[in-house]
Protein backbone atom coordinates (compact mmCIF):
# COMPACT_ATOMS: atom_id res chain seq x y z
CA MET A 1 110.83 -50.54 -47.48
CA SER A 2 112.72 -47.17 -49.05
CA ARG A 3 111.74 -44.04 -47.58
CA LYS A 4 110.05 -42.98 -51.02
CA ASN A 5 107.67 -45.99 -50.60
CA ARG A 6 106.78 -44.93 -47.41
CA GLU A 7 105.91 -41.48 -48.43
CA LYS A 8 103.29 -42.91 -51.23
CA ARG A 9 101.58 -45.11 -48.77
CA ALA A 10 101.34 -41.91 -46.38
CA ARG A 11 99.71 -40.18 -48.96
CA ALA A 12 97.58 -42.70 -50.02
CA ARG A 13 96.18 -43.08 -46.37
CA GLN A 14 95.76 -39.47 -46.56
CA ASP A 15 93.89 -39.27 -49.59
CA ALA A 16 91.64 -42.38 -48.27
CA ASN A 17 90.38 -40.45 -45.18
CA LEU A 18 89.48 -37.20 -46.88
CA SER A 19 87.64 -39.22 -49.53
CA ALA A 20 85.59 -40.87 -46.04
CA THR A 21 85.28 -37.50 -44.62
CA SER A 22 83.95 -36.00 -47.94
CA SER A 23 81.28 -38.80 -48.11
CA ASP A 24 79.95 -38.21 -44.71
CA ALA A 25 79.19 -34.69 -45.00
CA PRO A 26 76.84 -34.64 -48.01
CA ALA A 27 74.94 -37.56 -46.20
CA LYS A 28 74.37 -34.92 -43.28
CA SER A 29 73.09 -32.22 -45.47
CA GLU A 30 70.94 -34.50 -47.54
CA SER A 31 69.34 -35.46 -44.07
CA LYS A 32 68.92 -31.53 -43.22
CA LEU A 33 67.49 -30.87 -46.57
CA ARG A 34 64.79 -33.87 -46.57
CA GLU A 35 63.17 -32.21 -43.46
CA THR A 36 63.13 -28.72 -45.16
CA PRO A 37 60.18 -29.67 -47.72
CA LYS A 38 58.29 -31.24 -45.00
CA SER A 39 58.29 -27.72 -42.96
CA SER A 40 57.96 -25.83 -46.06
CA SER A 41 54.62 -28.02 -46.74
CA ILE A 42 53.17 -27.22 -43.28
CA ASN A 43 53.57 -23.45 -43.80
CA ARG A 44 51.75 -23.67 -47.21
CA LEU A 45 49.08 -25.61 -45.81
CA GLY A 46 48.95 -23.03 -43.00
CA ALA A 47 48.38 -19.91 -45.64
CA PHE A 48 45.98 -21.80 -48.12
CA ALA A 49 43.78 -22.12 -44.83
CA ALA A 50 44.05 -18.76 -43.85
CA ILE A 51 43.32 -17.43 -47.53
CA GLY A 52 40.62 -20.10 -47.52
CA GLY A 53 38.78 -18.57 -44.59
CA LEU A 54 39.13 -14.97 -45.86
CA VAL A 55 37.70 -16.35 -49.24
CA GLY A 56 34.29 -17.96 -47.38
CA LEU A 57 34.16 -14.81 -44.99
CA PHE A 58 34.07 -12.13 -48.20
CA ALA A 59 31.85 -15.21 -49.91
CA LEU A 60 29.27 -14.73 -46.97
CA VAL A 61 29.36 -10.94 -47.07
CA LEU A 62 28.08 -11.12 -50.71
CA LEU A 63 25.59 -13.90 -49.81
CA LEU A 64 24.08 -11.66 -47.12
CA GLY A 65 24.63 -8.13 -48.80
CA ASP A 66 25.65 -4.96 -47.05
CA PRO A 67 24.01 -4.45 -43.86
CA PRO A 68 21.02 -2.09 -43.79
CA PRO A 69 22.07 1.70 -43.39
CA PRO A 70 21.54 3.07 -39.93
CA ALA A 71 17.77 4.62 -39.72
CA PRO A 72 17.55 8.54 -40.19
CA PRO A 73 16.55 10.24 -37.03
CA THR A 74 12.89 11.40 -37.03
CA GLU A 75 11.11 13.72 -34.71
CA SER A 76 8.88 11.95 -32.54
CA ALA A 77 5.41 13.45 -32.05
CA PRO A 78 4.84 15.32 -28.96
CA GLU A 79 3.55 13.76 -26.19
CA THR A 80 0.00 15.39 -25.48
CA GLU A 81 -1.46 15.01 -22.27
CA GLU A 82 -5.16 13.66 -22.04
CA PRO A 83 -6.99 16.28 -20.29
CA ASP A 84 -8.45 15.57 -16.54
CA GLU A 85 -11.49 14.55 -16.62
CA PRO A 86 -13.61 17.22 -15.07
CA GLU A 87 -13.99 17.11 -11.19
CA ARG A 88 -17.57 15.72 -10.19
CA SER A 89 -19.35 17.35 -7.54
CA ASN A 90 -21.00 15.82 -4.37
CA VAL A 91 -24.50 16.06 -6.03
CA GLU A 92 -23.27 14.10 -9.05
CA MET A 93 -21.26 10.98 -7.48
CA TRP A 94 -24.59 10.94 -5.15
CA GLN A 95 -26.62 10.58 -8.24
CA ALA A 96 -24.39 7.70 -10.12
CA ALA A 97 -24.88 5.79 -6.66
CA PHE A 98 -27.11 2.93 -7.16
CA LEU A 99 -30.53 3.23 -5.87
CA GLN A 100 -31.03 0.94 -3.31
CA GLU A 101 -34.21 0.23 -0.74
CA VAL A 102 -32.59 0.62 2.74
CA PRO A 103 -35.88 -0.09 5.11
CA VAL A 104 -36.62 1.62 8.53
CA LEU A 105 -37.62 -0.54 10.97
CA ALA A 106 -39.23 0.39 14.46
CA ARG A 107 -36.48 -1.05 16.33
CA ASP A 108 -34.10 1.46 14.99
CA PHE A 109 -32.82 4.39 16.59
CA ALA A 110 -33.48 7.70 14.96
CA LEU A 111 -33.43 11.35 15.48
CA GLY A 112 -35.54 13.79 13.65
CA PRO A 113 -39.37 13.83 12.64
CA ALA A 114 -40.16 10.45 10.59
CA ASP A 115 -41.86 12.49 7.57
CA ALA A 116 -38.80 14.15 6.98
CA PRO A 117 -37.92 14.53 3.09
CA VAL A 118 -34.42 13.77 3.90
CA ASN A 119 -33.27 10.10 5.29
CA ILE A 120 -30.06 9.72 6.33
CA ILE A 121 -28.74 6.35 7.02
CA GLU A 122 -25.33 5.22 8.78
CA PHE A 123 -24.11 1.66 9.33
CA SER A 124 -21.90 2.46 12.34
CA ASP A 125 -19.56 0.59 14.67
CA PHE A 126 -19.02 1.96 18.23
CA GLU A 127 -15.40 1.22 18.08
CA CYS A 128 -14.70 2.42 14.77
CA PRO A 129 -12.13 5.76 14.54
CA PHE A 130 -13.63 6.91 11.39
CA CYS A 131 -17.22 6.55 12.75
CA ARG A 132 -16.65 8.46 15.57
CA LEU A 133 -15.60 11.42 13.28
CA ALA A 134 -18.67 10.75 11.33
CA ASN A 135 -20.54 11.11 14.32
CA ILE A 136 -19.52 14.75 14.45
CA GLN A 137 -20.24 15.90 10.94
CA LEU A 138 -23.67 14.04 11.10
CA MET A 139 -24.62 15.91 14.44
CA GLU A 140 -23.83 18.91 12.84
CA VAL A 141 -26.17 18.31 9.68
CA VAL A 142 -29.13 16.95 12.05
CA GLU A 143 -28.69 20.58 13.88
CA ARG A 144 -28.28 22.69 10.09
CA TYR A 145 -31.92 20.54 8.94
CA PRO A 146 -33.86 20.20 12.31
CA SER A 147 -37.10 19.77 10.39
CA GLU A 148 -35.68 18.36 6.80
CA VAL A 149 -33.60 15.43 7.98
CA ARG A 150 -33.79 12.29 9.67
CA LEU A 151 -30.71 10.44 10.87
CA VAL A 152 -31.36 6.70 11.22
CA PHE A 153 -28.35 4.51 13.08
CA LYS A 154 -27.82 1.01 12.34
CA ASN A 155 -25.29 -1.25 13.53
CA PHE A 156 -22.48 -3.03 11.51
CA PRO A 157 -19.68 -4.14 14.51
CA LEU A 158 -16.45 -5.28 12.26
CA ASP A 159 -16.24 -7.53 15.06
CA MET A 160 -16.07 -11.61 14.65
CA ALA A 161 -18.29 -11.94 17.82
CA CYS A 162 -21.35 -10.86 15.77
CA ASN A 163 -20.32 -10.65 12.23
CA ALA A 164 -19.26 -13.75 10.09
CA ASP A 165 -17.96 -12.03 7.29
CA VAL A 166 -14.89 -10.50 9.40
CA THR A 167 -11.97 -13.11 9.33
CA GLU A 168 -9.76 -10.96 11.02
CA GLN A 169 -10.47 -9.32 14.55
CA LEU A 170 -10.79 -5.68 14.05
CA HIS A 171 -12.79 -4.30 17.02
CA PRO A 172 -13.46 -7.10 19.77
CA TYR A 173 -15.97 -4.76 21.80
CA GLY A 174 -17.69 -3.61 18.90
CA CYS A 175 -20.57 -6.44 19.22
CA LYS A 176 -20.79 -6.22 23.17
CA MET A 177 -20.96 -2.53 22.81
CA ALA A 178 -24.12 -2.68 20.07
CA VAL A 179 -25.74 -4.93 22.50
CA MET A 180 -25.19 -2.62 25.34
CA ALA A 181 -26.89 0.61 23.76
CA ARG A 182 -29.92 -1.29 22.55
CA CYS A 183 -29.98 -2.60 25.96
CA ALA A 184 -29.95 0.83 27.77
CA SER A 185 -32.68 1.87 24.98
CA ARG A 186 -34.99 -0.69 26.94
CA GLU A 187 -34.96 1.43 29.72
CA ASP A 188 -35.31 4.74 28.15
CA PRO A 189 -34.67 5.28 24.56
CA GLU A 190 -32.94 8.56 25.25
CA LEU A 191 -30.09 6.31 26.90
CA PHE A 192 -29.15 4.92 23.59
CA TRP A 193 -28.19 8.21 22.28
CA ARG A 194 -26.51 9.26 25.98
CA PHE A 195 -24.50 5.52 25.24
CA HIS A 196 -23.78 6.50 21.55
CA ASP A 197 -22.49 9.98 22.57
CA SER A 198 -20.44 8.78 25.39
CA VAL A 199 -18.67 5.72 23.80
CA PHE A 200 -17.53 7.90 20.49
CA THR A 201 -15.34 9.91 22.94
CA PHE A 202 -13.45 6.88 24.07
CA GLU A 203 -9.95 6.64 23.64
CA GLN A 204 -9.50 2.80 24.58
CA PHE A 205 -11.72 0.48 25.14
CA SER A 206 -11.84 -2.42 28.03
CA ASP A 207 -14.54 -4.26 29.93
CA ASP A 208 -13.92 -1.95 33.00
CA ALA A 209 -14.47 1.04 31.16
CA LEU A 210 -17.79 -0.25 29.66
CA ASP A 211 -19.03 -1.40 33.26
CA GLN A 212 -18.29 2.56 34.24
CA LEU A 213 -19.73 3.73 31.67
CA ALA A 214 -23.35 1.89 32.60
CA LEU A 215 -22.97 3.04 35.88
CA ALA A 216 -22.60 6.36 34.78
CA LEU A 217 -25.72 5.96 32.57
CA GLY A 218 -27.45 5.53 35.74
CA VAL A 219 -29.26 2.15 34.42
CA ASP A 220 -30.54 -0.34 36.54
CA ALA A 221 -28.31 -3.00 36.89
CA GLU A 222 -29.79 -5.78 36.95
CA PRO A 223 -32.14 -5.67 34.10
CA PHE A 224 -29.61 -4.37 32.05
CA TRP A 225 -27.00 -6.70 32.50
CA THR A 226 -29.44 -9.61 32.46
CA CYS A 227 -30.52 -7.90 28.59
CA VAL A 228 -27.05 -7.51 27.66
CA GLY A 229 -26.42 -11.64 28.02
CA GLU A 230 -29.74 -12.10 26.28
CA ARG A 231 -29.61 -13.95 22.83
CA GLU A 232 -32.78 -11.56 21.41
CA VAL A 233 -30.80 -8.27 21.35
CA PHE A 234 -27.82 -10.16 20.24
CA ASP A 235 -29.78 -11.42 16.95
CA GLU A 236 -31.18 -7.77 16.76
CA VAL A 237 -27.47 -6.58 15.58
CA ARG A 238 -26.66 -9.34 13.91
CA ASN A 239 -30.21 -8.54 11.55
CA ASP A 240 -28.53 -4.75 11.17
CA ILE A 241 -25.42 -6.86 9.82
CA ALA A 242 -27.68 -9.09 7.77
CA LEU A 243 -28.90 -6.09 5.80
CA ALA A 244 -25.94 -4.22 5.68
CA ARG A 245 -24.35 -7.11 3.67
CA SER A 246 -27.36 -7.38 1.36
CA LEU A 247 -26.83 -3.96 0.29
CA GLY A 248 -22.98 -4.52 -0.05
CA VAL A 249 -21.80 -2.78 2.76
CA ASP A 250 -18.14 -3.69 3.56
CA SER A 251 -17.11 -0.95 5.27
CA THR A 252 -17.73 1.48 8.06
CA PRO A 253 -18.85 4.46 8.09
CA THR A 254 -21.37 3.83 5.33
CA VAL A 255 -23.84 6.25 5.01
CA TYR A 256 -26.80 6.33 2.81
CA VAL A 257 -28.92 9.67 1.27
CA ASN A 258 -32.25 8.64 0.36
CA GLY A 259 -31.12 5.41 -0.70
CA ARG A 260 -27.85 6.08 -2.59
CA VAL A 261 -24.59 6.01 -0.91
CA ALA A 262 -23.00 9.49 0.11
CA PRO A 263 -19.60 10.06 -1.49
CA SER A 264 -18.72 11.37 2.15
CA TYR A 265 -19.77 11.91 5.62
CA GLN A 266 -18.33 15.80 5.89
CA ALA A 267 -20.83 17.71 6.83
CA ASP A 268 -20.49 20.20 3.98
CA ALA A 269 -20.40 17.55 1.45
CA LEU A 270 -23.96 16.03 2.75
CA SER A 271 -25.54 19.71 2.94
CA GLU A 272 -24.65 19.85 -1.05
CA ILE A 273 -26.71 16.78 -1.51
CA ILE A 274 -29.61 17.80 0.79
CA ASP A 275 -30.14 21.15 -0.72
CA HIS A 276 -30.30 19.42 -4.25
CA ILE A 277 -32.90 17.30 -2.63
CA LEU A 278 -35.11 20.02 -0.77
CA ALA A 279 -34.65 22.22 -4.36
CA ALA A 280 -35.99 19.66 -6.37
CA LYS A 281 -39.36 19.26 -4.27
């Protein structure tokens, strides 16, 4: 083969390689171009969805209308204080209380004339600290009105031993002292009031303290303690309790003045009521 022929064949091979290379390049470019339309379509769909969302939101606002404007500020009416009810006097409160018949029996203990125009009846408990305070005030009233007031004492111990309505033990010596006072009076009626005044000075209560009180009063020990153990005197105390409950008494002290519950056991308050009663006669 001549040199000229070899050169022709070499050029022919070069042209063939160039032709093959150029045919591969467009294929690769086409492949990339086929992917581009897919990506572009996704982006367009996202844009359409966003635009659609905005259009929907705008339509919802148009449907619902504009939100109402905030209410204009107004002046609230100034708060007016209701006038306080005028304070009622002790006499007015006593007059407003329900009138009840509170019987005074022969077995009751009383100070003052039986025909006194003013009857004060006290339901009391010897172990009650407020009854101790009330006793001081009531004795002062008796001293102020020696011929116009009669003070009657009735038992209402807050002790489960004799008061069935007491559900929690408050005064465990209340019933025993009520019985002891009555038994002391059997020997001498004056001994009731001595027991009454003495026991209201106690700061603490115990069996030993009550034994010592009985000795101090000078009672005849055998009949006295026999009486304390008798059912009869115990039932007298329970009868007072039953009367109190029928009247609606539920606390001590409860003080009645001529059949109406007094608003206070203070001597000055009771004096207002007593003066009113006496002035009306």
